[in-house]
N, C-alpha and C. Protein backbone atom coordinates (compact mmCIF):
# COMPACT_ATOMS: atom_id res chain seq x y z
N MET A 1 0.84 -1.17 0.00
CA MET A 1 0.00 0.00 0.00
C MET A 1 0.89 1.24 0.00
N THR A 2 0.49 2.25 -0.76
CA THR A 2 1.19 3.53 -0.76
C THR A 2 0.19 4.62 -0.40
N ARG A 3 0.71 5.66 0.24
CA ARG A 3 -0.13 6.78 0.63
C ARG A 3 0.75 8.00 0.90
N LYS A 4 0.10 9.15 1.02
CA LYS A 4 0.83 10.37 1.34
C LYS A 4 1.27 10.32 2.80
N ALA A 5 2.49 10.76 3.05
CA ALA A 5 3.02 10.79 4.42
C ALA A 5 2.33 11.90 5.21
N ASN A 6 2.23 11.68 6.50
CA ASN A 6 1.69 12.72 7.38
C ASN A 6 2.59 12.85 8.61
N ILE A 7 2.30 13.81 9.44
CA ILE A 7 3.16 14.13 10.58
C ILE A 7 3.29 12.94 11.55
N GLN A 8 2.29 12.06 11.60
CA GLN A 8 2.38 10.89 12.47
C GLN A 8 3.43 9.89 11.97
N ASP A 9 3.85 10.02 10.72
CA ASP A 9 4.84 9.11 10.13
C ASP A 9 6.28 9.53 10.41
N VAL A 10 6.48 10.68 11.01
CA VAL A 10 7.83 11.25 11.10
C VAL A 10 8.84 10.30 11.72
N LYS A 11 8.50 9.63 12.80
CA LYS A 11 9.48 8.76 13.46
C LYS A 11 9.95 7.65 12.53
N GLN A 12 9.02 6.88 11.97
CA GLN A 12 9.41 5.79 11.07
C GLN A 12 10.04 6.32 9.78
N LEU A 13 9.48 7.40 9.25
CA LEU A 13 9.99 7.97 8.01
C LEU A 13 11.41 8.50 8.20
N SER A 14 11.69 9.08 9.34
CA SER A 14 13.03 9.59 9.62
C SER A 14 14.06 8.47 9.68
N GLU A 15 13.65 7.31 10.19
CA GLU A 15 14.56 6.16 10.22
C GLU A 15 14.87 5.70 8.79
N LEU A 16 13.85 5.65 7.94
CA LEU A 16 14.07 5.30 6.53
C LEU A 16 14.93 6.35 5.84
N PHE A 17 14.66 7.62 6.11
CA PHE A 17 15.42 8.71 5.51
C PHE A 17 16.89 8.63 5.95
N ASP A 18 17.12 8.26 7.19
CA ASP A 18 18.49 8.09 7.69
C ASP A 18 19.18 6.94 6.95
N GLN A 19 18.47 5.83 6.74
CA GLN A 19 19.03 4.70 5.98
C GLN A 19 19.37 5.14 4.56
N TYR A 20 18.50 5.94 3.97
CA TYR A 20 18.72 6.48 2.62
C TYR A 20 20.01 7.30 2.58
N ARG A 21 20.18 8.17 3.56
CA ARG A 21 21.37 9.03 3.61
C ARG A 21 22.64 8.19 3.82
N ILE A 22 22.55 7.18 4.65
CA ILE A 22 23.71 6.28 4.86
C ILE A 22 24.06 5.58 3.56
N PHE A 23 23.05 5.16 2.79
CA PHE A 23 23.27 4.53 1.48
C PHE A 23 24.10 5.45 0.58
N TYR A 24 23.88 6.77 0.73
CA TYR A 24 24.63 7.76 -0.06
C TYR A 24 25.83 8.32 0.70
N HIS A 25 26.36 7.51 1.62
CA HIS A 25 27.63 7.77 2.30
C HIS A 25 27.61 9.00 3.20
N LYS A 26 26.47 9.28 3.82
CA LYS A 26 26.36 10.36 4.79
C LYS A 26 26.33 9.73 6.18
N GLU A 27 26.74 10.50 7.17
CA GLU A 27 26.72 10.02 8.55
C GLU A 27 25.28 9.92 9.06
N SER A 28 25.03 8.91 9.87
CA SER A 28 23.72 8.75 10.48
C SER A 28 23.44 9.93 11.41
N ASP A 29 22.23 10.46 11.34
CA ASP A 29 21.82 11.57 12.20
C ASP A 29 20.30 11.61 12.25
N ILE A 30 19.73 10.74 13.08
CA ILE A 30 18.28 10.61 13.16
C ILE A 30 17.61 11.90 13.68
N PRO A 31 18.16 12.58 14.70
CA PRO A 31 17.51 13.84 15.12
C PRO A 31 17.44 14.86 13.98
N ALA A 32 18.50 14.99 13.20
CA ALA A 32 18.47 15.93 12.06
C ALA A 32 17.49 15.44 11.00
N ALA A 33 17.42 14.13 10.79
CA ALA A 33 16.47 13.58 9.82
C ALA A 33 15.04 13.88 10.26
N GLU A 34 14.75 13.71 11.55
CA GLU A 34 13.41 14.02 12.07
C GLU A 34 13.06 15.49 11.86
N LYS A 35 14.02 16.35 12.14
CA LYS A 35 13.81 17.80 11.96
C LYS A 35 13.55 18.10 10.48
N PHE A 36 14.37 17.54 9.60
CA PHE A 36 14.25 17.80 8.17
C PHE A 36 12.90 17.32 7.63
N ILE A 37 12.53 16.10 7.96
CA ILE A 37 11.26 15.54 7.48
C ILE A 37 10.07 16.30 8.06
N THR A 38 10.13 16.63 9.33
CA THR A 38 9.05 17.41 9.96
C THR A 38 8.88 18.74 9.25
N GLU A 39 9.99 19.43 8.97
CA GLU A 39 9.91 20.72 8.28
C GLU A 39 9.32 20.58 6.88
N ARG A 40 9.70 19.53 6.16
CA ARG A 40 9.16 19.35 4.81
C ARG A 40 7.65 19.17 4.87
N ILE A 41 7.18 18.34 5.81
CA ILE A 41 5.74 18.07 5.92
C ILE A 41 5.00 19.32 6.40
N GLU A 42 5.48 19.95 7.47
CA GLU A 42 4.79 21.11 8.03
C GLU A 42 4.79 22.29 7.07
N ASN A 43 5.90 22.53 6.38
CA ASN A 43 6.01 23.67 5.47
C ASN A 43 5.46 23.38 4.07
N LYS A 44 5.08 22.12 3.86
CA LYS A 44 4.58 21.69 2.55
C LYS A 44 5.58 22.02 1.43
N ASP A 45 6.88 21.81 1.73
CA ASP A 45 7.96 22.06 0.78
C ASP A 45 8.09 20.95 -0.24
N SER A 46 7.60 19.76 0.11
CA SER A 46 7.75 18.61 -0.77
C SER A 46 6.51 17.73 -0.63
N GLU A 47 6.43 16.79 -1.53
CA GLU A 47 5.39 15.75 -1.44
C GLU A 47 6.12 14.45 -1.11
N ILE A 48 5.69 13.81 -0.06
CA ILE A 48 6.30 12.55 0.37
C ILE A 48 5.22 11.48 0.38
N PHE A 49 5.52 10.38 -0.29
CA PHE A 49 4.63 9.22 -0.27
C PHE A 49 5.38 8.06 0.34
N VAL A 50 4.67 7.23 1.07
CA VAL A 50 5.29 6.10 1.75
C VAL A 50 4.68 4.79 1.29
N ALA A 51 5.48 3.74 1.35
CA ALA A 51 5.01 2.37 1.12
C ALA A 51 4.94 1.72 2.49
N GLU A 52 3.86 0.99 2.71
CA GLU A 52 3.59 0.41 4.01
C GLU A 52 3.33 -1.08 3.87
N ASN A 53 3.85 -1.84 4.81
CA ASN A 53 3.62 -3.28 4.85
C ASN A 53 3.30 -3.66 6.28
N GLN A 54 2.09 -4.11 6.51
CA GLN A 54 1.62 -4.53 7.83
C GLN A 54 1.85 -3.44 8.88
N GLY A 55 1.51 -2.20 8.53
CA GLY A 55 1.60 -1.09 9.46
C GLY A 55 2.98 -0.50 9.63
N LYS A 56 3.97 -1.03 8.94
CA LYS A 56 5.35 -0.52 9.05
C LYS A 56 5.76 0.12 7.72
N LEU A 57 6.36 1.30 7.81
CA LEU A 57 6.84 1.96 6.61
C LEU A 57 8.07 1.24 6.09
N VAL A 58 8.07 0.93 4.80
CA VAL A 58 9.19 0.19 4.21
C VAL A 58 9.90 0.96 3.09
N GLY A 59 9.31 2.08 2.67
CA GLY A 59 9.93 2.88 1.62
C GLY A 59 9.25 4.22 1.49
N PHE A 60 9.92 5.11 0.74
CA PHE A 60 9.34 6.43 0.51
C PHE A 60 9.87 7.02 -0.79
N VAL A 61 9.13 7.99 -1.29
CA VAL A 61 9.57 8.82 -2.41
C VAL A 61 9.28 10.25 -2.01
N GLN A 62 10.22 11.14 -2.31
CA GLN A 62 10.06 12.56 -1.99
C GLN A 62 10.27 13.37 -3.26
N LEU A 63 9.32 14.26 -3.53
CA LEU A 63 9.37 15.09 -4.73
C LEU A 63 9.30 16.57 -4.33
N TYR A 64 10.09 17.37 -5.05
CA TYR A 64 10.10 18.81 -4.82
C TYR A 64 9.57 19.52 -6.06
N PRO A 65 8.83 20.62 -5.86
CA PRO A 65 8.30 21.34 -7.02
C PRO A 65 9.38 22.18 -7.71
N LEU A 66 9.35 22.15 -9.02
CA LEU A 66 10.16 23.00 -9.89
C LEU A 66 9.20 23.59 -10.91
N PHE A 67 9.68 24.54 -11.69
CA PHE A 67 8.84 25.10 -12.74
C PHE A 67 9.62 25.19 -14.03
N SER A 68 8.93 24.96 -15.13
CA SER A 68 9.50 25.11 -16.46
C SER A 68 8.99 26.42 -17.03
N SER A 69 9.89 27.35 -17.27
CA SER A 69 9.49 28.64 -17.84
C SER A 69 9.00 28.48 -19.27
N THR A 70 9.67 27.63 -20.04
CA THR A 70 9.27 27.48 -21.44
C THR A 70 7.93 26.78 -21.58
N ARG A 71 7.65 25.86 -20.69
CA ARG A 71 6.37 25.16 -20.73
C ARG A 71 5.30 25.85 -19.89
N MET A 72 5.76 26.77 -19.05
CA MET A 72 4.87 27.52 -18.14
C MET A 72 4.02 26.57 -17.29
N LYS A 73 4.70 25.56 -16.78
CA LYS A 73 4.04 24.57 -15.93
C LYS A 73 5.00 24.10 -14.85
N ARG A 74 4.43 23.41 -13.89
CA ARG A 74 5.21 22.80 -12.83
C ARG A 74 5.87 21.52 -13.34
N TYR A 75 7.05 21.27 -12.82
CA TYR A 75 7.73 19.99 -12.94
C TYR A 75 7.85 19.47 -11.52
N TRP A 76 8.04 18.20 -11.35
CA TRP A 76 8.37 17.64 -10.04
C TRP A 76 9.74 17.00 -10.13
N LEU A 77 10.56 17.27 -9.14
CA LEU A 77 11.88 16.66 -9.04
C LEU A 77 11.78 15.48 -8.09
N LEU A 78 11.93 14.28 -8.64
CA LEU A 78 11.95 13.08 -7.81
C LEU A 78 13.37 13.02 -7.24
N ASN A 79 13.50 13.53 -6.03
CA ASN A 79 14.82 13.68 -5.42
C ASN A 79 15.24 12.45 -4.63
N ASP A 80 14.27 11.81 -3.97
CA ASP A 80 14.59 10.70 -3.08
C ASP A 80 13.63 9.54 -3.32
N LEU A 81 14.20 8.37 -3.50
CA LEU A 81 13.42 7.14 -3.59
C LEU A 81 14.20 6.08 -2.84
N TYR A 82 13.57 5.47 -1.86
CA TYR A 82 14.29 4.48 -1.05
C TYR A 82 13.32 3.42 -0.54
N VAL A 83 13.77 2.18 -0.61
CA VAL A 83 13.05 1.05 -0.02
C VAL A 83 14.05 0.31 0.87
N ASN A 84 13.63 0.04 2.09
CA ASN A 84 14.48 -0.69 3.03
C ASN A 84 14.97 -1.98 2.39
N GLU A 85 16.24 -2.29 2.60
CA GLU A 85 16.87 -3.44 1.92
C GLU A 85 16.16 -4.76 2.18
N ASN A 86 15.49 -4.90 3.32
CA ASN A 86 14.76 -6.14 3.61
C ASN A 86 13.46 -6.27 2.83
N HIS A 87 13.07 -5.21 2.14
CA HIS A 87 11.79 -5.20 1.42
C HIS A 87 11.96 -4.95 -0.07
N ARG A 88 13.18 -4.96 -0.53
CA ARG A 88 13.43 -4.74 -1.96
C ARG A 88 13.03 -5.97 -2.76
N GLY A 89 12.70 -5.73 -4.02
CA GLY A 89 12.31 -6.82 -4.90
C GLY A 89 10.84 -7.19 -4.79
N ASN A 90 10.08 -6.40 -4.04
CA ASN A 90 8.64 -6.67 -3.87
C ASN A 90 7.76 -5.67 -4.59
N GLY A 91 8.36 -4.82 -5.43
CA GLY A 91 7.58 -3.88 -6.23
C GLY A 91 7.27 -2.55 -5.56
N TYR A 92 7.82 -2.29 -4.38
CA TYR A 92 7.51 -1.05 -3.69
C TYR A 92 8.01 0.18 -4.45
N SER A 93 9.18 0.09 -5.07
CA SER A 93 9.70 1.23 -5.83
C SER A 93 8.76 1.60 -6.96
N LYS A 94 8.28 0.60 -7.67
CA LYS A 94 7.35 0.87 -8.78
C LYS A 94 6.03 1.45 -8.28
N LEU A 95 5.55 0.96 -7.14
CA LEU A 95 4.33 1.51 -6.56
C LEU A 95 4.51 2.98 -6.18
N LEU A 96 5.67 3.31 -5.60
CA LEU A 96 5.95 4.69 -5.20
C LEU A 96 6.09 5.59 -6.42
N ILE A 97 6.76 5.10 -7.46
CA ILE A 97 6.89 5.88 -8.69
C ILE A 97 5.52 6.09 -9.32
N ASP A 98 4.68 5.07 -9.30
CA ASP A 98 3.33 5.21 -9.85
C ASP A 98 2.55 6.27 -9.07
N LYS A 99 2.69 6.28 -7.76
CA LYS A 99 2.02 7.29 -6.92
C LYS A 99 2.52 8.69 -7.30
N ALA A 100 3.83 8.82 -7.55
CA ALA A 100 4.41 10.10 -7.94
C ALA A 100 3.86 10.55 -9.29
N LYS A 101 3.73 9.62 -10.24
CA LYS A 101 3.19 9.96 -11.56
C LYS A 101 1.74 10.42 -11.45
N LYS A 102 0.96 9.75 -10.63
CA LYS A 102 -0.44 10.13 -10.45
C LYS A 102 -0.55 11.53 -9.84
N MET A 103 0.35 11.84 -8.90
CA MET A 103 0.35 13.16 -8.30
C MET A 103 0.74 14.21 -9.34
N ALA A 104 1.71 13.89 -10.20
CA ALA A 104 2.12 14.83 -11.25
C ALA A 104 0.95 15.11 -12.20
N ILE A 105 0.22 14.09 -12.55
CA ILE A 105 -0.95 14.27 -13.42
C ILE A 105 -2.01 15.11 -12.71
N ALA A 106 -2.26 14.80 -11.44
CA ALA A 106 -3.29 15.52 -10.68
C ALA A 106 -2.94 17.00 -10.49
N THR A 107 -1.65 17.33 -10.48
CA THR A 107 -1.24 18.73 -10.30
C THR A 107 -0.98 19.41 -11.64
N ASP A 108 -1.33 18.74 -12.74
CA ASP A 108 -1.16 19.27 -14.09
C ASP A 108 0.30 19.64 -14.38
N ALA A 109 1.21 18.86 -13.83
CA ALA A 109 2.64 19.08 -14.08
C ALA A 109 3.00 18.56 -15.46
N CYS A 110 4.06 19.11 -16.03
CA CYS A 110 4.48 18.65 -17.36
C CYS A 110 5.35 17.41 -17.27
N GLY A 111 5.78 17.04 -16.07
CA GLY A 111 6.56 15.82 -15.95
C GLY A 111 7.29 15.71 -14.62
N ILE A 112 8.10 14.67 -14.54
CA ILE A 112 8.94 14.39 -13.37
C ILE A 112 10.38 14.27 -13.86
N LEU A 113 11.27 14.95 -13.19
CA LEU A 113 12.69 14.87 -13.48
C LEU A 113 13.37 14.10 -12.36
N LEU A 114 14.44 13.40 -12.69
CA LEU A 114 15.24 12.75 -11.67
C LEU A 114 16.64 12.55 -12.21
N GLU A 115 17.54 12.31 -11.32
CA GLU A 115 18.89 11.93 -11.71
C GLU A 115 19.33 10.77 -10.85
N THR A 116 20.17 9.94 -11.40
CA THR A 116 20.76 8.85 -10.65
C THR A 116 22.15 8.61 -11.18
N GLY A 117 22.99 8.04 -10.36
CA GLY A 117 24.37 7.79 -10.76
C GLY A 117 24.47 6.79 -11.90
N LYS A 118 25.46 6.97 -12.72
CA LYS A 118 25.68 6.03 -13.83
C LYS A 118 25.95 4.62 -13.31
N SER A 119 26.47 4.53 -12.09
CA SER A 119 26.79 3.21 -11.52
C SER A 119 25.61 2.59 -10.77
N ASN A 120 24.48 3.29 -10.70
CA ASN A 120 23.30 2.76 -10.01
C ASN A 120 22.58 1.79 -10.95
N ASP A 121 23.07 0.56 -11.00
CA ASP A 121 22.52 -0.44 -11.92
C ASP A 121 21.03 -0.68 -11.70
N ILE A 122 20.62 -0.75 -10.45
CA ILE A 122 19.21 -1.02 -10.15
C ILE A 122 18.34 0.14 -10.63
N GLY A 123 18.72 1.37 -10.27
CA GLY A 123 17.96 2.54 -10.70
C GLY A 123 17.94 2.70 -12.20
N ASN A 124 19.06 2.40 -12.84
CA ASN A 124 19.15 2.56 -14.28
C ASN A 124 18.36 1.49 -15.04
N LYS A 125 17.90 0.47 -14.36
CA LYS A 125 16.97 -0.49 -14.94
C LYS A 125 15.53 -0.13 -14.54
N LEU A 126 15.38 0.31 -13.29
CA LEU A 126 14.05 0.63 -12.75
C LEU A 126 13.40 1.78 -13.51
N TYR A 127 14.09 2.90 -13.65
CA TYR A 127 13.45 4.09 -14.21
C TYR A 127 12.97 3.89 -15.64
N PRO A 128 13.78 3.33 -16.54
CA PRO A 128 13.24 3.07 -17.89
C PRO A 128 12.04 2.10 -17.88
N SER A 129 12.06 1.13 -16.96
CA SER A 129 10.95 0.19 -16.90
C SER A 129 9.66 0.87 -16.42
N CYS A 130 9.80 2.07 -15.83
CA CYS A 130 8.64 2.84 -15.36
C CYS A 130 8.30 3.98 -16.32
N GLY A 131 8.91 3.97 -17.51
CA GLY A 131 8.55 4.95 -18.53
C GLY A 131 9.44 6.18 -18.60
N PHE A 132 10.48 6.25 -17.77
CA PHE A 132 11.40 7.39 -17.82
C PHE A 132 12.39 7.18 -18.95
N GLU A 133 12.77 8.27 -19.60
CA GLU A 133 13.75 8.23 -20.68
C GLU A 133 14.97 9.04 -20.30
N ILE A 134 16.13 8.57 -20.71
CA ILE A 134 17.35 9.35 -20.49
C ILE A 134 17.30 10.56 -21.39
N TYR A 135 17.52 11.71 -20.79
CA TYR A 135 17.52 12.95 -21.54
C TYR A 135 18.97 13.40 -21.68
N ASP A 136 19.54 13.12 -22.81
CA ASP A 136 20.98 13.38 -22.99
C ASP A 136 21.25 14.56 -23.92
N LYS A 137 20.27 15.44 -24.07
CA LYS A 137 20.43 16.58 -24.97
C LYS A 137 21.09 17.78 -24.30
N VAL A 138 21.26 17.71 -22.99
CA VAL A 138 21.86 18.81 -22.24
C VAL A 138 22.97 18.29 -21.34
N ASN A 139 23.81 19.18 -20.91
CA ASN A 139 24.81 18.87 -19.89
C ASN A 139 24.24 19.29 -18.54
N PHE A 140 24.41 18.48 -17.56
CA PHE A 140 23.95 18.77 -16.22
C PHE A 140 25.15 19.29 -15.44
N TYR A 141 25.04 20.49 -14.86
CA TYR A 141 26.12 21.09 -14.09
C TYR A 141 25.66 21.30 -12.66
N GLU A 142 26.63 21.36 -11.76
CA GLU A 142 26.32 21.59 -10.35
C GLU A 142 27.32 22.57 -9.78
N TRP A 143 26.83 23.49 -8.96
CA TRP A 143 27.69 24.37 -8.17
C TRP A 143 27.31 24.16 -6.73
N THR A 144 28.27 23.95 -5.87
CA THR A 144 28.01 23.81 -4.44
C THR A 144 28.92 24.77 -3.69
N ASN A 145 28.50 25.13 -2.50
CA ASN A 145 29.32 26.02 -1.69
C ASN A 145 29.89 25.32 -0.46
N ASN A 146 29.98 24.01 -0.50
CA ASN A 146 30.58 23.31 0.64
C ASN A 146 31.54 22.26 0.21
């Protein structure tokens, strides 16, 4: 089952978010994860959907709003997708992506953007199987201040 996350989910969702960050080589910090997730939900900065199995959260997807000036519509950035390693291979990622697509349609967005590492073999198979296409017509650049 998938559904929109709510403030009552913060404790379990923060644990999943912490696992997600560890997967991307960040230090564990559950109090900071709780603060971050709480702020996203309370401030409505993002849309978070969760996958649930027998009352326990097993995965999540988080999307942030962007806008396309040329299309004059909203885009959604699928920034985070994570399923606990004990629950992978059960279709939760596809269910979460489907929930994200339905939300994009419901908000009249022109699409969903995402990026994943070239070495992410699982993601690079998952996203095309869910209808995403590699967009190689542009160069993606990043500037960071840390």
